[in-house]
C-alpha atoms as a PDB file:
ATOM      1  CA  MET A   1     -16.033  -6.134 148.457  1.00  0.00           C
ATOM      2  CA  LYS A   2     -17.605  -3.866 145.885  1.00  0.00           C
ATOM      3  CA  ASN A   3     -20.534  -1.615 146.651  1.00  0.00           C
ATOM      4  CA  ARG A   4     -23.646  -2.836 144.880  1.00  0.00           C
ATOM      5  CA  LEU A   5     -25.974  -0.263 143.419  1.00  0.00           C
ATOM      6  CA  PHE A   6     -29.754  -0.426 143.440  1.00  0.00           C
ATOM      7  CA  SER A   7     -32.396   1.815 141.884  1.00  0.00           C
ATOM      8  CA  VAL A   8     -35.465   0.484 143.708  1.00  0.00           C
ATOM      9  CA  ALA A   9     -36.153   0.395 147.441  1.00  0.00           C
ATOM     10  CA  GLY A  10     -39.113  -0.129 149.683  1.00  0.00           C
ATOM     11  CA  VAL A  11     -40.612  -2.311 152.349  1.00  0.00           C
ATOM     12  CA  SER A  12     -42.421  -5.619 152.650  1.00  0.00           C
ATOM     13  CA  ARG A  13     -43.854  -7.756 155.415  1.00  0.00           C
ATOM     14  CA  LEU A  14     -42.556 -11.271 155.962  1.00  0.00           C
ATOM     15  CA  HIS A  15     -43.928 -13.387 158.822  1.00  0.00           C
ATOM     16  CA  GLY A  16     -45.379 -10.240 160.404  1.00  0.00           C
ATOM     17  CA  GLU A  17     -42.098  -8.303 160.371  1.00  0.00           C
ATOM     18  CA  VAL A  18     -41.610  -5.244 158.158  1.00  0.00           C
ATOM     19  CA  LYS A  19     -38.323  -5.321 156.267  1.00  0.00           C
ATOM     20  CA  VAL A  20     -36.542  -2.812 154.037  1.00  0.00           C
ATOM     21  CA  ARG A  21     -35.923  -4.193 150.547  1.00  0.00           C
ATOM     22  CA  PHE A  22     -33.536  -3.195 147.741  1.00  0.00           C
ATOM     23  CA  ALA A  23     -33.704  -4.153 144.061  1.00  0.00           C
ATOM     24  CA  THR A  24     -32.421  -3.245 140.641  1.00  0.00           C
ATOM     25  CA  ASP A  25     -35.901  -3.060 139.107  1.00  0.00           C
ATOM     26  CA  LEU A  26     -39.562  -3.276 140.040  1.00  0.00           C
ATOM     27  CA  THR A  27     -39.916  -6.880 138.861  1.00  0.00           C
ATOM     28  CA  TYR A  28     -38.505  -7.812 142.290  1.00  0.00           C
ATOM     29  CA  VAL A  29     -42.114  -7.566 143.531  1.00  0.00           C
ATOM     30  CA  LYS A  30     -42.802 -10.886 141.835  1.00  0.00           C
ATOM     31  CA  GLY A  31     -40.003 -12.651 143.720  1.00  0.00           C
ATOM     32  CA  LEU A  32     -40.987 -11.121 147.048  1.00  0.00           C
ATOM     33  CA  THR A  33     -44.620 -12.170 146.753  1.00  0.00           C
ATOM     34  CA  LYS A  34     -43.601 -15.652 145.620  1.00  0.00           C
ATOM     35  CA  ALA A  35     -41.401 -15.921 148.731  1.00  0.00           C
ATOM     36  CA  GLY A  36     -44.384 -15.117 150.960  1.00  0.00           C
ATOM     37  CA  ASN A  37     -43.964 -11.364 151.442  1.00  0.00           C
ATOM     38  CA  THR A  38     -47.095  -9.253 151.761  1.00  0.00           C
ATOM     39  CA  ASP A  39     -47.673  -5.481 151.772  1.00  0.00           C
ATOM     40  CA  VAL A  40     -44.893  -5.070 149.199  1.00  0.00           C
ATOM     41  CA  GLU A  41     -44.279  -1.365 148.548  1.00  0.00           C
ATOM     42  CA  LEU A  42     -41.343  -0.544 146.258  1.00  0.00           C
ATOM     43  CA  VAL A  43     -40.352   2.874 144.899  1.00  0.00           C
ATOM     44  CA  ASP A  44     -38.140   3.595 141.892  1.00  0.00           C
ATOM     45  CA  ALA A  45     -35.460   6.081 142.967  1.00  0.00           C
ATOM     46  CA  GLY A  46     -34.727   7.149 139.402  1.00  0.00           C
ATOM     47  CA  ARG A  47     -30.997   6.491 139.652  1.00  0.00           C
ATOM     48  CA  ASP A  48     -28.579   3.922 141.035  1.00  0.00           C
ATOM     49  CA  MET A  49     -27.653   4.343 144.699  1.00  0.00           C
ATOM     50  CA  THR A  50     -26.001   2.436 147.511  1.00  0.00           C
ATOM     51  CA  LYS A  51     -28.134   0.946 150.283  1.00  0.00           C
ATOM     52  CA  PRO A  52     -27.386   3.782 152.755  1.00  0.00           C
ATOM     53  CA  GLU A  53     -28.310   6.356 150.099  1.00  0.00           C
ATOM     54  CA  LEU A  54     -31.542   4.533 149.331  1.00  0.00           C
ATOM     55  CA  VAL A  55     -32.460   4.383 153.016  1.00  0.00           C
ATOM     56  CA  GLU A  56     -32.096   8.168 153.172  1.00  0.00           C
ATOM     57  CA  PHE A  57     -34.171   8.403 149.978  1.00  0.00           C
ATOM     58  CA  LEU A  58     -36.928   6.307 151.587  1.00  0.00           C
ATOM     59  CA  LYS A  59     -37.182   8.902 154.351  1.00  0.00           C
ATOM     60  CA  THR A  60     -38.367  11.397 151.719  1.00  0.00           C
ATOM     61  CA  THR A  61     -41.145   9.168 150.362  1.00  0.00           C
ATOM     62  CA  ASP A  62     -44.736   8.594 151.471  1.00  0.00           C
ATOM     63  CA  LEU A  63     -43.677   5.206 152.851  1.00  0.00           C
ATOM     64  CA  TYR A  64     -41.993   7.030 155.723  1.00  0.00           C
ATOM     65  CA  LYS A  65     -45.376   8.374 156.865  1.00  0.00           C
ATOM     66  CA  ASN A  66     -46.495   4.889 157.932  1.00  0.00           C
ATOM     67  CA  PRO A  67     -45.268   4.314 161.537  1.00  0.00           C
ATOM     68  CA  GLU A  68     -44.428   0.630 160.952  1.00  0.00           C
ATOM     69  CA  TYR A  69     -42.496   1.386 157.787  1.00  0.00           C
ATOM     70  CA  GLN A  70     -40.801   4.343 159.475  1.00  0.00           C
ATOM     71  CA  ALA A  71     -39.538   2.103 162.288  1.00  0.00           C
ATOM     72  CA  ALA A  72     -38.081  -0.394 159.792  1.00  0.00           C
ATOM     73  CA  ILE A  73     -36.451   2.374 157.732  1.00  0.00           C
ATOM     74  CA  ASP A  74     -35.002   4.014 160.851  1.00  0.00           C
ATOM     75  CA  ALA A  75     -33.652   0.671 162.062  1.00  0.00           C
ATOM     76  CA  ARG A  76     -31.918   0.126 158.729  1.00  0.00           C
ATOM     77  CA  ALA A  77     -30.567   3.709 158.790  1.00  0.00           C
ATOM     78  CA  ALA A  78     -29.140   3.057 162.269  1.00  0.00           C
ATOM     79  CA  LEU A  79     -27.440  -0.039 160.887  1.00  0.00           C
ATOM     80  CA  TYR A  80     -25.606   2.088 158.338  1.00  0.00           C
ATOM     81  CA  ALA A  81     -25.019   5.108 160.597  1.00  0.00           C
ATOM     82  CA  GLY A  82     -21.372   5.778 161.249  1.00  0.00           C
ATOM     83  CA  LYS A  83     -20.246   2.841 159.186  1.00  0.00           C
ATOM     84  CA  ASP A  84     -18.120   3.010 156.101  1.00  0.00           C
ATOM     85  CA  VAL A  85     -19.842   1.080 153.349  1.00  0.00           C
ATOM     86  CA  VAL A  86     -16.618  -0.639 152.314  1.00  0.00           C
ATOM     87  CA  LYS A  87     -16.150  -3.745 154.413  1.00  0.00           C
ATOM     88  CA  THR A  88     -12.779  -5.294 155.069  1.00  0.00           C
ATOM     89  CA  SER A  89     -12.018  -8.639 156.581  1.00  0.00           C
ATOM     90  CA  LYS A  90      -9.729  -8.877 159.559  1.00  0.00           C
ATOM     91  CA  SER A  91      -6.855 -11.253 159.106  1.00  0.00           C
ATOM     92  CA  LYS A  92      -4.993 -12.873 161.932  1.00  0.00           C
ATOM     93  CA  ALA A  93      -1.290 -12.192 162.215  1.00  0.00           C
ATOM     94  CA  LYS A  94       0.669 -15.151 160.922  1.00  0.00           C
ATOM     95  CA  PRO A  95       3.568 -16.392 163.037  1.00  0.00           C
ATOM     96  CA  SER A  96       7.046 -15.932 161.644  1.00  0.00           C
ATOM     97  CA  LEU A  97       9.191 -18.891 160.654  1.00  0.00           C
ATOM     98  CA  GLU A  98      11.424 -18.211 163.664  1.00  0.00           C
ATOM     99  CA  ALA A  99       8.450 -18.364 166.015  1.00  0.00           C
ATOM    100  CA  ILE A 100       7.348 -21.680 164.530  1.00  0.00           C
ATOM    101  CA  LYS A 101      10.855 -23.127 164.896  1.00  0.00           C
ATOM    102  CA  ALA A 102      11.150 -21.876 168.480  1.00  0.00           C
ATOM    103  CA  ARG A 103       7.802 -23.428 169.406  1.00  0.00           C
ATOM    104  CA  ALA A 104       8.787 -26.743 167.795  1.00  0.00           C
ATOM    105  CA  GLU A 105      12.106 -26.768 169.655  1.00  0.00           C
ATOM    106  CA  ALA A 106      10.348 -25.951 172.940  1.00  0.00           C
ATOM    107  CA  GLU A 107       7.875 -28.800 172.454  1.00  0.00           C
ATOM    108  CA  ALA A 108      10.668 -31.201 171.511  1.00  0.00           C
ATOM    109  CA  ALA A 109      12.625 -30.247 174.631  1.00  0.00           C
ATOM    110  CA  GLU A 110       9.678 -31.182 176.879  1.00  0.00           C
END
């Protein structure tokens, strides 16, 4: 999975819950308001960043002074804390051909 980069971050309120938002440009406001978000506050970071970097950036903005926004930003920061951004999927070990044959013979013997 590749790391997506965003240059805009902020917060919005959807169904009474404050959420952290990420976008590539400020026109995302239009989509958020159309989807029912209110109190949309987005900030242009000035450069492309990953989501964890943008969350840290949000802590340096005036948005972080609002207690509700601060709680949402901190919750998102906790989500990224201690995690490597690169996600890998866990695959199950596949049985060997010998194991499959042994199981088939055991079932046939029953």
